């Protein structure tokens, strides 16, 4: 497991994904939405990606309402997306390059 900072652990707690920190088995498959390239990721990276892609869709569609009550503004959506995206980069560089870069 990568050494996560307190800020990163707090981010995981905000998104309720801190209970799967120790599972390093790569069982989840994600596909690049443009190229179709696939990559297997851990359960932790899978959950972070799910939230990252959700926030990306909120941003791209310009939705004003979303499922996260702790994000109060459109700027907050962008900030949370960036924080999650860079957490994916830290946890799994290959997944970041395949899916988000």
Protein backbone atom coordinates (compact mmCIF):
# COMPACT_ATOMS: atom_id res chain seq x y z
CA UNK A 1 0.00 0.00 0.00
CA UNK A 2 1.24 3.46 -0.87
CA UNK A 3 1.85 5.81 2.00
CA UNK A 4 -1.14 8.11 1.97
CA UNK A 5 -1.03 11.55 3.50
CA UNK A 6 -3.55 12.67 6.08
CA UNK A 7 -5.17 14.84 3.41
CA UNK A 8 -5.54 11.83 1.08
CA UNK A 9 -6.97 9.70 3.87
CA UNK A 10 -9.45 12.49 4.66
CA UNK A 11 -10.43 12.59 0.98
CA UNK A 12 -11.11 8.85 1.02
CA UNK A 13 -13.17 9.27 4.18
CA UNK A 14 -15.24 12.04 2.56
CA UNK A 15 -16.11 9.69 -0.29
CA UNK A 16 -16.64 6.75 2.11
CA UNK A 17 -13.97 4.58 0.50
CA UNK A 18 -11.52 4.17 3.35
CA UNK A 19 -12.57 0.67 4.40
CA UNK A 20 -10.79 -1.11 1.50
CA UNK A 21 -7.27 0.26 1.93
CA UNK A 22 -5.56 -3.10 2.35
CA UNK A 23 -6.87 -5.01 -0.68
CA UNK A 24 -4.12 -5.07 -3.34
CA UNK A 25 -5.65 -7.71 -5.61
CA UNK A 26 -6.33 -6.43 -9.13
CA UNK A 27 -9.80 -7.72 -9.90
CA UNK A 28 -11.75 -4.75 -11.28
CA UNK A 29 -11.61 -3.87 -14.98
CA UNK A 30 -12.00 -0.35 -16.32
CA UNK A 31 -12.03 0.73 -19.97
CA UNK A 32 -10.87 3.95 -21.55
CA UNK A 33 -14.03 5.58 -22.88
CA UNK A 34 -12.31 6.73 -26.07
CA UNK A 35 -9.85 3.98 -27.01
CA UNK A 36 -11.53 1.01 -25.31
CA UNK A 37 -8.18 0.00 -23.76
CA UNK A 38 -8.76 -1.98 -20.57
CA UNK A 39 -6.84 -2.21 -17.33
CA UNK A 40 -7.30 -4.21 -14.12
CA UNK A 41 -7.18 -2.21 -10.89
CA UNK A 42 -7.47 -2.82 -7.16
CA UNK A 43 -10.74 -2.32 -5.32
CA UNK A 44 -9.43 0.95 -3.85
CA UNK A 45 -8.47 2.37 -7.25
CA UNK A 46 -11.78 1.12 -8.64
CA UNK A 47 -13.76 3.08 -6.05
CA UNK A 48 -11.64 6.22 -6.52
CA UNK A 49 -12.13 5.95 -10.29
CA UNK A 50 -15.90 5.53 -9.89
CA UNK A 51 -16.10 8.82 -7.98
CA UNK A 52 -13.66 10.51 -10.36
CA UNK A 53 -15.69 9.54 -13.43
CA UNK A 54 -18.94 10.58 -11.75
CA UNK A 55 -17.52 14.03 -10.99
CA UNK A 56 -16.22 14.25 -14.55
CA UNK A 57 -19.71 13.57 -15.89
CA UNK A 58 -21.17 16.20 -13.53
CA UNK A 59 -18.60 18.69 -14.81
CA UNK A 60 -19.07 17.84 -18.49
CA UNK A 61 -22.86 18.08 -18.33
CA UNK A 62 -22.84 21.20 -16.16
CA UNK A 63 -25.12 19.62 -13.58
CA UNK A 64 -25.92 21.88 -10.67
CA UNK A 65 -27.18 19.08 -8.43
CA UNK A 66 -25.20 15.96 -7.61
CA UNK A 67 -25.03 13.25 -4.95
CA UNK A 68 -22.29 14.77 -2.77
CA UNK A 69 -23.73 17.04 -0.09
CA UNK A 70 -20.25 18.09 1.10
CA UNK A 71 -19.47 19.72 -2.27
CA UNK A 72 -21.21 23.07 -2.24
CA UNK A 73 -20.20 24.68 -5.55
CA UNK A 74 -19.24 23.94 -9.13
CA UNK A 75 -15.68 24.95 -8.22
CA UNK A 76 -15.83 22.35 -5.45
CA UNK A 77 -16.65 19.71 -8.06
CA UNK A 78 -13.55 20.67 -10.04
CA UNK A 79 -11.38 20.66 -6.90
CA UNK A 80 -12.66 17.24 -5.77
CA UNK A 81 -12.19 15.83 -9.28
CA UNK A 82 -8.60 17.06 -9.38
CA UNK A 83 -7.82 15.66 -5.94
CA UNK A 84 -9.27 12.25 -6.85
CA UNK A 85 -7.53 12.23 -10.23
CA UNK A 86 -4.14 12.86 -8.65
CA UNK A 87 -4.84 10.21 -6.04
CA UNK A 88 -5.34 7.72 -8.88
CA UNK A 89 -1.98 8.85 -10.27
CA UNK A 90 -0.32 8.18 -6.91
CA UNK A 91 -2.01 4.81 -6.38
CA UNK A 92 -1.73 3.43 -9.93
CA UNK A 93 0.21 5.34 -12.58
CA UNK A 94 -0.74 2.89 -15.33
CA UNK A 95 -4.44 3.26 -14.59
CA UNK A 96 -4.07 7.03 -14.64
CA UNK A 97 -2.27 6.99 -17.99
CA UNK A 98 -4.74 4.51 -19.49
CA UNK A 99 -7.95 6.05 -18.23
CA UNK A 100 -7.45 9.71 -17.31
CA UNK A 101 -4.43 11.11 -19.12
